[in-house]
């Protein structure tokens, strides 16, 4: 099981390097893994489909 405080510190360090220090390549190299997962993709697809269906109905 992971330590929430360690996770919080890692996330804060990533955001500090990425945004405050404006060094995105270094932040990615140091903190990101080799694989990226978009966890909310199925939700976004359903939302997009329902939006496009509504606009096609003409109403």
N, C-alpha and C. Protein backbone atom coordinates (compact mmCIF):
# COMPACT_ATOMS: atom_id res chain seq x y z
N UNK A 1 0.85 -1.19 0.00
CA UNK A 1 0.00 0.00 0.00
C UNK A 1 0.89 1.25 0.00
N UNK A 2 0.47 2.25 -0.72
CA UNK A 2 1.29 3.45 -0.86
C UNK A 2 1.00 4.45 0.27
N UNK A 3 1.95 5.30 0.49
CA UNK A 3 1.86 6.32 1.54
C UNK A 3 1.26 7.59 0.94
N UNK A 4 0.08 8.02 1.39
CA UNK A 4 -0.55 9.22 0.82
C UNK A 4 0.31 10.47 0.92
N UNK A 5 1.05 10.63 1.99
CA UNK A 5 1.91 11.81 2.12
C UNK A 5 3.06 11.79 1.13
N UNK A 6 3.60 10.61 0.86
CA UNK A 6 4.67 10.50 -0.13
C UNK A 6 4.11 10.80 -1.53
N UNK A 7 2.92 10.28 -1.83
CA UNK A 7 2.27 10.56 -3.12
C UNK A 7 2.01 12.05 -3.29
N UNK A 8 1.56 12.69 -2.22
CA UNK A 8 1.28 14.13 -2.26
C UNK A 8 2.56 14.92 -2.53
N UNK A 9 3.64 14.55 -1.86
CA UNK A 9 4.91 15.24 -2.05
C UNK A 9 5.43 15.05 -3.47
N UNK A 10 5.27 13.84 -4.02
CA UNK A 10 5.71 13.58 -5.38
C UNK A 10 4.90 14.40 -6.38
N UNK A 11 3.59 14.45 -6.19
CA UNK A 11 2.73 15.24 -7.08
C UNK A 11 3.08 16.72 -7.01
N UNK A 12 3.32 17.22 -5.81
CA UNK A 12 3.69 18.63 -5.65
C UNK A 12 5.03 18.92 -6.31
N UNK A 13 5.97 18.01 -6.19
CA UNK A 13 7.28 18.20 -6.80
C UNK A 13 7.16 18.21 -8.33
N UNK A 14 6.33 17.30 -8.87
CA UNK A 14 6.10 17.28 -10.31
C UNK A 14 5.53 18.61 -10.79
N UNK A 15 4.48 19.08 -10.12
CA UNK A 15 3.86 20.35 -10.54
C UNK A 15 4.82 21.52 -10.38
N UNK A 16 5.67 21.49 -9.36
CA UNK A 16 6.63 22.56 -9.17
C UNK A 16 7.60 22.64 -10.35
N UNK A 17 8.16 21.48 -10.72
CA UNK A 17 9.11 21.47 -11.84
C UNK A 17 8.39 21.80 -13.14
N UNK A 18 7.22 21.20 -13.34
CA UNK A 18 6.48 21.34 -14.60
C UNK A 18 6.02 22.78 -14.83
N UNK A 19 5.40 23.37 -13.83
CA UNK A 19 4.76 24.68 -14.02
C UNK A 19 5.50 25.84 -13.38
N UNK A 20 5.90 25.71 -12.14
CA UNK A 20 6.56 26.83 -11.45
C UNK A 20 7.95 27.09 -12.01
N UNK A 21 8.69 26.01 -12.30
CA UNK A 21 10.04 26.17 -12.83
C UNK A 21 10.08 26.13 -14.36
N UNK A 22 8.93 25.89 -14.98
CA UNK A 22 8.79 25.87 -16.45
C UNK A 22 9.80 24.93 -17.12
N UNK A 23 9.91 23.71 -16.57
CA UNK A 23 10.81 22.71 -17.13
C UNK A 23 10.03 21.41 -17.38
N UNK A 24 9.09 21.44 -18.34
CA UNK A 24 8.22 20.28 -18.55
C UNK A 24 8.96 19.01 -18.97
N UNK A 25 9.95 19.11 -19.82
CA UNK A 25 10.67 17.91 -20.26
C UNK A 25 11.34 17.23 -19.08
N UNK A 26 11.94 18.02 -18.20
CA UNK A 26 12.59 17.46 -17.02
C UNK A 26 11.56 16.82 -16.08
N UNK A 27 10.41 17.46 -15.93
CA UNK A 27 9.36 16.92 -15.06
C UNK A 27 8.87 15.57 -15.58
N UNK A 28 8.67 15.48 -16.89
CA UNK A 28 8.21 14.22 -17.49
C UNK A 28 9.28 13.15 -17.33
N UNK A 29 10.52 13.50 -17.63
CA UNK A 29 11.61 12.53 -17.49
C UNK A 29 11.74 12.02 -16.07
N UNK A 30 11.59 12.92 -15.11
CA UNK A 30 11.82 12.56 -13.72
C UNK A 30 10.62 11.87 -13.06
N UNK A 31 9.39 12.26 -13.41
CA UNK A 31 8.23 11.80 -12.65
C UNK A 31 7.23 10.93 -13.42
N UNK A 32 7.22 10.99 -14.74
CA UNK A 32 6.22 10.23 -15.51
C UNK A 32 6.77 8.85 -15.86
N UNK A 33 5.86 7.91 -15.98
CA UNK A 33 6.24 6.56 -16.36
C UNK A 33 6.28 6.41 -17.87
N UNK A 34 6.57 5.20 -18.32
CA UNK A 34 6.66 4.92 -19.75
C UNK A 34 5.29 4.81 -20.40
N UNK A 35 4.27 4.52 -19.61
CA UNK A 35 2.92 4.31 -20.13
C UNK A 35 1.98 5.34 -19.53
N UNK A 36 1.10 5.87 -20.37
CA UNK A 36 0.12 6.84 -19.91
C UNK A 36 -1.28 6.25 -20.09
N UNK A 37 -2.09 6.34 -19.05
CA UNK A 37 -3.46 5.86 -19.11
C UNK A 37 -4.41 7.04 -18.93
N UNK A 38 -5.36 7.17 -19.82
CA UNK A 38 -6.39 8.21 -19.68
C UNK A 38 -7.59 7.53 -19.04
N UNK A 39 -7.71 7.68 -17.72
CA UNK A 39 -8.71 6.94 -16.96
C UNK A 39 -10.14 7.39 -17.24
N UNK A 40 -10.34 8.60 -17.68
CA UNK A 40 -11.69 9.10 -17.90
C UNK A 40 -12.13 9.02 -19.35
N UNK A 41 -11.39 8.33 -20.19
CA UNK A 41 -11.71 8.27 -21.61
C UNK A 41 -13.10 7.70 -21.90
N UNK A 42 -13.51 6.58 -21.28
CA UNK A 42 -14.87 6.08 -21.57
C UNK A 42 -15.96 7.10 -21.22
N UNK A 43 -15.80 7.82 -20.13
CA UNK A 43 -16.78 8.85 -19.77
C UNK A 43 -16.81 9.95 -20.82
N UNK A 44 -15.64 10.37 -21.27
CA UNK A 44 -15.58 11.45 -22.25
C UNK A 44 -16.21 11.01 -23.57
N UNK A 45 -16.03 9.77 -23.95
CA UNK A 45 -16.65 9.30 -25.19
C UNK A 45 -18.16 9.33 -25.07
N UNK A 46 -18.69 8.82 -23.97
CA UNK A 46 -20.15 8.82 -23.80
C UNK A 46 -20.68 10.24 -23.82
N UNK A 47 -19.99 11.14 -23.14
CA UNK A 47 -20.44 12.53 -23.11
C UNK A 47 -20.42 13.14 -24.51
N UNK A 48 -19.36 12.90 -25.26
CA UNK A 48 -19.25 13.43 -26.62
C UNK A 48 -20.36 12.88 -27.49
N UNK A 49 -20.61 11.58 -27.38
CA UNK A 49 -21.65 10.97 -28.19
C UNK A 49 -23.01 11.57 -27.87
N UNK A 50 -23.30 11.77 -26.59
CA UNK A 50 -24.60 12.33 -26.24
C UNK A 50 -24.71 13.78 -26.69
N UNK A 51 -23.61 14.53 -26.66
CA UNK A 51 -23.63 15.91 -27.15
C UNK A 51 -23.88 15.94 -28.65
N UNK A 52 -23.19 15.05 -29.37
CA UNK A 52 -23.38 15.06 -30.83
C UNK A 52 -24.77 14.56 -31.19
N UNK A 53 -25.32 13.63 -30.43
CA UNK A 53 -26.68 13.16 -30.70
C UNK A 53 -27.68 14.28 -30.47
N UNK A 54 -27.48 15.09 -29.43
CA UNK A 54 -28.39 16.20 -29.15
C UNK A 54 -28.34 17.24 -30.26
N UNK A 55 -27.14 17.51 -30.78
CA UNK A 55 -27.04 18.54 -31.81
C UNK A 55 -27.62 18.06 -33.13
N UNK A 56 -27.63 16.75 -33.36
CA UNK A 56 -28.20 16.23 -34.59
C UNK A 56 -29.72 16.23 -34.58
N UNK A 57 -30.31 16.25 -33.38
CA UNK A 57 -31.76 16.17 -33.30
C UNK A 57 -32.43 17.45 -33.75
N UNK A 58 -31.63 18.51 -33.86
CA UNK A 58 -32.19 19.78 -34.33
C UNK A 58 -32.91 20.55 -33.25
N UNK A 59 -32.81 20.08 -32.02
CA UNK A 59 -33.55 20.76 -30.99
C UNK A 59 -32.69 21.27 -29.96
